[in-house]
């Protein structure tokens, strides 16, 4: 596993397409039972070398019902973006994740973690990659129970999604409590 982590850390496969160069940001261990699969690290994560330490991360940890300290210290959480490096800025938010990264690394990582894991699919990119359907993000999140026990689709916690959250209040009242219950059961 250390060899795999070292290889990922040294990866420059997408470097020529990255505005700030390669800086793979990820986390996993042989005890990871909760896999947070999302888009890609943001600019702040790139500079701090720490995922989810921004407004999106604050909201994600609230949705998970996890204190900041526990989020970073427990070896049960894995952070596996679809692209491990910051892709750069677009007109609205960040550029899409590189399509090269997940096919190159995800299966290798999954072979090294417990089979009893749950994949929390954060946002459309992760859901499109892992779910074999043509549903919209909203439809997937509404019907999250259909994807259990392997997957739990949620929207991206970015402040750019505030409009979606206002249009879909059922997410906070119905889906988040189920997500928190699942996370607590995995942490026991």
C-alpha atoms as a PDB file:
ATOM      1  CA  UNK A   1       0.000   0.000   0.000  1.00  0.00           C
ATOM      2  CA  UNK A   2       2.857   2.418   0.724  1.00  0.00           C
ATOM      3  CA  UNK A   3       4.207   1.725  -2.767  1.00  0.00           C
ATOM      4  CA  UNK A   4       0.820   2.581  -4.287  1.00  0.00           C
ATOM      5  CA  UNK A   5       0.569   5.818  -2.295  1.00  0.00           C
ATOM      6  CA  UNK A   6       4.087   6.754  -3.346  1.00  0.00           C
ATOM      7  CA  UNK A   7       3.263   6.155  -7.015  1.00  0.00           C
ATOM      8  CA  UNK A   8       0.113   8.278  -6.787  1.00  0.00           C
ATOM      9  CA  UNK A   9       2.011  11.077  -5.033  1.00  0.00           C
ATOM     10  CA  UNK A  10       4.572  11.146  -7.849  1.00  0.00           C
ATOM     11  CA  UNK A  11       2.008  11.014 -10.660  1.00  0.00           C
ATOM     12  CA  UNK A  12       2.378  13.657 -13.374  1.00  0.00           C
ATOM     13  CA  UNK A  13       0.123  12.043 -15.999  1.00  0.00           C
ATOM     14  CA  UNK A  14      -2.069  15.167 -16.284  1.00  0.00           C
ATOM     15  CA  UNK A  15       0.573  17.789 -15.409  1.00  0.00           C
ATOM     16  CA  UNK A  16       0.603  19.433 -18.834  1.00  0.00           C
ATOM     17  CA  UNK A  17      -3.140  20.172 -18.502  1.00  0.00           C
ATOM     18  CA  UNK A  18      -3.017  21.535 -14.944  1.00  0.00           C
ATOM     19  CA  UNK A  19      -2.755  25.282 -14.389  1.00  0.00           C
ATOM     20  CA  UNK A  20      -0.880  24.852 -11.099  1.00  0.00           C
ATOM     21  CA  UNK A  21       0.910  21.594 -11.876  1.00  0.00           C
ATOM     22  CA  UNK A  22       0.618  18.199 -10.219  1.00  0.00           C
ATOM     23  CA  UNK A  23      -0.124  17.913  -6.513  1.00  0.00           C
ATOM     24  CA  UNK A  24      -2.135  14.732  -5.909  1.00  0.00           C
ATOM     25  CA  UNK A  25      -4.361  15.043  -2.844  1.00  0.00           C
ATOM     26  CA  UNK A  26      -5.909  11.850  -1.495  1.00  0.00           C
ATOM     27  CA  UNK A  27      -6.209   9.736   1.629  1.00  0.00           C
ATOM     28  CA  UNK A  28      -6.855   6.032   2.179  1.00  0.00           C
ATOM     29  CA  UNK A  29      -5.736   3.187   4.394  1.00  0.00           C
ATOM     30  CA  UNK A  30      -6.283  -0.535   4.769  1.00  0.00           C
ATOM     31  CA  UNK A  31      -9.077   0.285   7.250  1.00  0.00           C
ATOM     32  CA  UNK A  32     -10.996   2.753   5.071  1.00  0.00           C
ATOM     33  CA  UNK A  33     -14.684   1.898   5.192  1.00  0.00           C
ATOM     34  CA  UNK A  34     -16.091   5.280   4.091  1.00  0.00           C
ATOM     35  CA  UNK A  35     -14.910   6.418   0.668  1.00  0.00           C
ATOM     36  CA  UNK A  36     -15.554  10.044  -0.189  1.00  0.00           C
ATOM     37  CA  UNK A  37     -15.443  10.153  -3.972  1.00  0.00           C
ATOM     38  CA  UNK A  38     -15.775  13.657  -5.344  1.00  0.00           C
ATOM     39  CA  UNK A  39     -14.784  15.928  -8.213  1.00  0.00           C
ATOM     40  CA  UNK A  40     -11.211  17.159  -7.621  1.00  0.00           C
ATOM     41  CA  UNK A  41      -9.352  19.203  -5.032  1.00  0.00           C
ATOM     42  CA  UNK A  42      -9.948  22.943  -5.199  1.00  0.00           C
ATOM     43  CA  UNK A  43      -7.359  25.686  -5.394  1.00  0.00           C
ATOM     44  CA  UNK A  44      -7.221  26.073  -1.607  1.00  0.00           C
ATOM     45  CA  UNK A  45      -6.694  22.328  -1.171  1.00  0.00           C
ATOM     46  CA  UNK A  46      -3.898  22.473  -3.747  1.00  0.00           C
ATOM     47  CA  UNK A  47      -2.036  25.185  -1.848  1.00  0.00           C
ATOM     48  CA  UNK A  48      -2.679  23.738   1.637  1.00  0.00           C
ATOM     49  CA  UNK A  49      -2.236  20.118   0.561  1.00  0.00           C
ATOM     50  CA  UNK A  50      -5.406  19.286   2.509  1.00  0.00           C
ATOM     51  CA  UNK A  51      -8.781  18.270   1.085  1.00  0.00           C
ATOM     52  CA  UNK A  52     -12.111  19.590   2.339  1.00  0.00           C
ATOM     53  CA  UNK A  53     -10.602  22.360   4.492  1.00  0.00           C
ATOM     54  CA  UNK A  54     -12.800  25.066   2.972  1.00  0.00           C
ATOM     55  CA  UNK A  55     -16.505  26.120   2.944  1.00  0.00           C
ATOM     56  CA  UNK A  56     -17.422  22.993   0.938  1.00  0.00           C
ATOM     57  CA  UNK A  57     -15.644  20.857   3.522  1.00  0.00           C
ATOM     58  CA  UNK A  58     -17.419  22.540   6.427  1.00  0.00           C
ATOM     59  CA  UNK A  59     -20.772  21.728   4.833  1.00  0.00           C
ATOM     60  CA  UNK A  60     -19.714  18.166   3.943  1.00  0.00           C
ATOM     61  CA  UNK A  61     -18.646  17.449   7.535  1.00  0.00           C
ATOM     62  CA  UNK A  62     -21.993  18.832   8.755  1.00  0.00           C
ATOM     63  CA  UNK A  63     -23.838  16.527   6.348  1.00  0.00           C
ATOM     64  CA  UNK A  64     -21.747  13.570   7.533  1.00  0.00           C
ATOM     65  CA  UNK A  65     -22.223  14.550  11.190  1.00  0.00           C
ATOM     66  CA  UNK A  66     -18.465  14.364  11.782  1.00  0.00           C
ATOM     67  CA  UNK A  67     -16.316  16.817  13.771  1.00  0.00           C
ATOM     68  CA  UNK A  68     -13.388  18.310  11.875  1.00  0.00           C
ATOM     69  CA  UNK A  69     -10.788  16.521  14.026  1.00  0.00           C
ATOM     70  CA  UNK A  70     -12.367  13.095  13.538  1.00  0.00           C
ATOM     71  CA  UNK A  71     -12.700  13.670   9.804  1.00  0.00           C
ATOM     72  CA  UNK A  72      -8.946  14.040   9.403  1.00  0.00           C
ATOM     73  CA  UNK A  73      -7.681  11.636  12.064  1.00  0.00           C
ATOM     74  CA  UNK A  74      -9.752   8.517  11.547  1.00  0.00           C
ATOM     75  CA  UNK A  75      -8.326   5.983   9.146  1.00  0.00           C
ATOM     76  CA  UNK A  76     -11.845   4.914   8.226  1.00  0.00           C
ATOM     77  CA  UNK A  77     -12.288   7.843   5.830  1.00  0.00           C
ATOM     78  CA  UNK A  78     -10.761   7.704   2.372  1.00  0.00           C
ATOM     79  CA  UNK A  79     -10.622  10.775   0.144  1.00  0.00           C
ATOM     80  CA  UNK A  80     -10.609   9.691  -3.495  1.00  0.00           C
ATOM     81  CA  UNK A  81     -11.387  12.465  -5.951  1.00  0.00           C
ATOM     82  CA  UNK A  82     -12.098  11.653  -9.574  1.00  0.00           C
ATOM     83  CA  UNK A  83      -8.914  13.612 -10.271  1.00  0.00           C
ATOM     84  CA  UNK A  84      -6.334  13.918  -7.515  1.00  0.00           C
ATOM     85  CA  UNK A  85      -5.008  17.317  -8.670  1.00  0.00           C
ATOM     86  CA  UNK A  86      -6.618  20.746  -8.935  1.00  0.00           C
ATOM     87  CA  UNK A  87      -7.809  21.051 -12.561  1.00  0.00           C
ATOM     88  CA  UNK A  88      -7.879  24.858 -12.751  1.00  0.00           C
ATOM     89  CA  UNK A  89     -10.536  27.552 -12.836  1.00  0.00           C
ATOM     90  CA  UNK A  90     -13.463  27.922 -15.238  1.00  0.00           C
ATOM     91  CA  UNK A  91     -15.987  30.744 -15.624  1.00  0.00           C
ATOM     92  CA  UNK A  92     -18.197  29.225 -12.937  1.00  0.00           C
ATOM     93  CA  UNK A  93     -16.238  27.156 -10.440  1.00  0.00           C
ATOM     94  CA  UNK A  94     -13.434  24.768 -11.275  1.00  0.00           C
ATOM     95  CA  UNK A  95     -12.747  22.896 -14.490  1.00  0.00           C
ATOM     96  CA  UNK A  96     -13.981  19.293 -14.726  1.00  0.00           C
ATOM     97  CA  UNK A  97     -11.684  16.607 -13.323  1.00  0.00           C
ATOM     98  CA  UNK A  98      -9.270  14.979 -15.724  1.00  0.00           C
ATOM     99  CA  UNK A  99     -10.773  11.790 -17.172  1.00  0.00           C
ATOM    100  CA  UNK A 100      -7.369  10.064 -16.856  1.00  0.00           C
ATOM    101  CA  UNK A 101      -7.018   9.892 -13.084  1.00  0.00           C
ATOM    102  CA  UNK A 102      -9.870   7.706 -11.788  1.00  0.00           C
ATOM    103  CA  UNK A 103      -9.362   4.914 -14.370  1.00  0.00           C
ATOM    104  CA  UNK A 104      -5.650   4.940 -13.601  1.00  0.00           C
ATOM    105  CA  UNK A 105      -5.855   4.763  -9.781  1.00  0.00           C
ATOM    106  CA  UNK A 106      -9.290   3.975  -8.326  1.00  0.00           C
ATOM    107  CA  UNK A 107      -9.362   0.213  -8.976  1.00  0.00           C
ATOM    108  CA  UNK A 108      -5.826  -0.173  -7.637  1.00  0.00           C
ATOM    109  CA  UNK A 109      -6.875   1.601  -4.453  1.00  0.00           C
ATOM    110  CA  UNK A 110     -10.113  -0.366  -4.112  1.00  0.00           C
ATOM    111  CA  UNK A 111      -8.136  -3.621  -4.192  1.00  0.00           C
ATOM    112  CA  UNK A 112      -6.260  -2.465  -1.074  1.00  0.00           C
ATOM    113  CA  UNK A 113      -9.156  -1.490   1.183  1.00  0.00           C
ATOM    114  CA  UNK A 114     -11.850  -3.546   2.950  1.00  0.00           C
ATOM    115  CA  UNK A 115     -14.711  -4.929   0.880  1.00  0.00           C
ATOM    116  CA  UNK A 116     -17.291  -3.648   3.364  1.00  0.00           C
ATOM    117  CA  UNK A 117     -16.837  -0.006   2.365  1.00  0.00           C
ATOM    118  CA  UNK A 118     -19.474   2.495   1.252  1.00  0.00           C
ATOM    119  CA  UNK A 119     -18.791   4.941  -1.562  1.00  0.00           C
ATOM    120  CA  UNK A 120     -20.245   8.380  -0.856  1.00  0.00           C
ATOM    121  CA  UNK A 121     -20.561   9.760  -4.393  1.00  0.00           C
ATOM    122  CA  UNK A 122     -20.249  13.526  -4.064  1.00  0.00           C
ATOM    123  CA  UNK A 123     -21.555  15.325  -7.132  1.00  0.00           C
ATOM    124  CA  UNK A 124     -22.286  14.447 -10.727  1.00  0.00           C
ATOM    125  CA  UNK A 125     -18.780  13.472 -11.886  1.00  0.00           C
ATOM    126  CA  UNK A 126     -18.411  10.741  -9.265  1.00  0.00           C
ATOM    127  CA  UNK A 127     -21.977   9.540  -9.795  1.00  0.00           C
ATOM    128  CA  UNK A 128     -21.640   9.390 -13.577  1.00  0.00           C
ATOM    129  CA  UNK A 129     -18.453   7.353 -13.240  1.00  0.00           C
ATOM    130  CA  UNK A 130     -19.712   4.812 -10.700  1.00  0.00           C
ATOM    131  CA  UNK A 131     -23.455   4.525 -11.351  1.00  0.00           C
ATOM    132  CA  UNK A 132     -24.642   2.726 -14.432  1.00  0.00           C
ATOM    133  CA  UNK A 133     -27.743   4.780 -15.139  1.00  0.00           C
ATOM    134  CA  UNK A 134     -28.846   7.920 -16.940  1.00  0.00           C
ATOM    135  CA  UNK A 135     -30.546   9.636 -14.002  1.00  0.00           C
ATOM    136  CA  UNK A 136     -29.971  13.236 -13.050  1.00  0.00           C
ATOM    137  CA  UNK A 137     -28.126  14.076  -9.862  1.00  0.00           C
ATOM    138  CA  UNK A 138     -31.423  15.105  -8.258  1.00  0.00           C
ATOM    139  CA  UNK A 139     -33.096  11.815  -9.158  1.00  0.00           C
ATOM    140  CA  UNK A 140     -30.138   9.839  -7.821  1.00  0.00           C
ATOM    141  CA  UNK A 141     -30.065  11.744  -4.536  1.00  0.00           C
ATOM    142  CA  UNK A 142     -33.843  11.439  -4.118  1.00  0.00           C
ATOM    143  CA  UNK A 143     -33.584   7.688  -4.654  1.00  0.00           C
ATOM    144  CA  UNK A 144     -30.380   7.129  -2.684  1.00  0.00           C
ATOM    145  CA  UNK A 145     -31.776   3.952  -1.084  1.00  0.00           C
ATOM    146  CA  UNK A 146     -31.753   2.232  -4.483  1.00  0.00           C
ATOM    147  CA  UNK A 147     -27.951   2.497  -4.558  1.00  0.00           C
ATOM    148  CA  UNK A 148     -27.307   1.128  -1.079  1.00  0.00           C
ATOM    149  CA  UNK A 149     -25.401  -0.718   0.318  1.00  0.00           C
ATOM    150  CA  UNK A 150     -22.526   0.114  -2.063  1.00  0.00           C
ATOM    151  CA  UNK A 151     -23.179   3.741  -2.967  1.00  0.00           C
ATOM    152  CA  UNK A 152     -24.724   6.848  -1.410  1.00  0.00           C
ATOM    153  CA  UNK A 153     -25.132   9.728  -3.915  1.00  0.00           C
ATOM    154  CA  UNK A 154     -25.171  13.302  -2.613  1.00  0.00           C
ATOM    155  CA  UNK A 155     -24.778  16.723  -4.245  1.00  0.00           C
ATOM    156  CA  UNK A 156     -21.487  18.560  -4.043  1.00  0.00           C
ATOM    157  CA  UNK A 157     -21.454  20.711  -0.882  1.00  0.00           C
ATOM    158  CA  UNK A 158     -20.045  23.732  -2.740  1.00  0.00           C
ATOM    159  CA  UNK A 159     -21.611  27.128  -2.020  1.00  0.00           C
ATOM    160  CA  UNK A 160     -22.242  27.189  -5.794  1.00  0.00           C
ATOM    161  CA  UNK A 161     -24.989  24.624  -5.096  1.00  0.00           C
ATOM    162  CA  UNK A 162     -26.959  26.830  -2.673  1.00  0.00           C
ATOM    163  CA  UNK A 163     -29.724  27.276  -5.259  1.00  0.00           C
ATOM    164  CA  UNK A 164     -30.063  23.485  -5.680  1.00  0.00           C
ATOM    165  CA  UNK A 165     -30.246  23.069  -1.891  1.00  0.00           C
ATOM    166  CA  UNK A 166     -32.983  25.741  -1.631  1.00  0.00           C
ATOM    167  CA  UNK A 167     -34.993  24.073  -4.405  1.00  0.00           C
ATOM    168  CA  UNK A 168     -34.628  20.648  -2.765  1.00  0.00           C
ATOM    169  CA  UNK A 169     -35.182  21.080   0.992  1.00  0.00           C
ATOM    170  CA  UNK A 170     -35.978  17.357   1.293  1.00  0.00           C
ATOM    171  CA  UNK A 171     -32.232  16.715   0.981  1.00  0.00           C
ATOM    172  CA  UNK A 172     -31.525  18.292   4.377  1.00  0.00           C
ATOM    173  CA  UNK A 173     -34.583  16.869   6.129  1.00  0.00           C
ATOM    174  CA  UNK A 174     -34.669  13.361   4.650  1.00  0.00           C
ATOM    175  CA  UNK A 175     -31.343  12.408   3.077  1.00  0.00           C
ATOM    176  CA  UNK A 176     -28.831  13.977   5.487  1.00  0.00           C
ATOM    177  CA  UNK A 177     -30.202  12.135   8.563  1.00  0.00           C
ATOM    178  CA  UNK A 178     -29.946   8.817   6.688  1.00  0.00           C
ATOM    179  CA  UNK A 179     -26.394   9.669   5.636  1.00  0.00           C
ATOM    180  CA  UNK A 180     -25.407  10.527   9.210  1.00  0.00           C
ATOM    181  CA  UNK A 181     -26.923   7.293  10.513  1.00  0.00           C
ATOM    182  CA  UNK A 182     -24.969   5.302   7.919  1.00  0.00           C
ATOM    183  CA  UNK A 183     -21.706   7.082   8.771  1.00  0.00           C
ATOM    184  CA  UNK A 184     -22.168   6.440  12.491  1.00  0.00           C
ATOM    185  CA  UNK A 185     -22.817   2.743  11.829  1.00  0.00           C
ATOM    186  CA  UNK A 186     -19.586   2.506   9.822  1.00  0.00           C
ATOM    187  CA  UNK A 187     -17.568   4.284  12.524  1.00  0.00           C
ATOM    188  CA  UNK A 188     -18.672   1.889  15.296  1.00  0.00           C
END
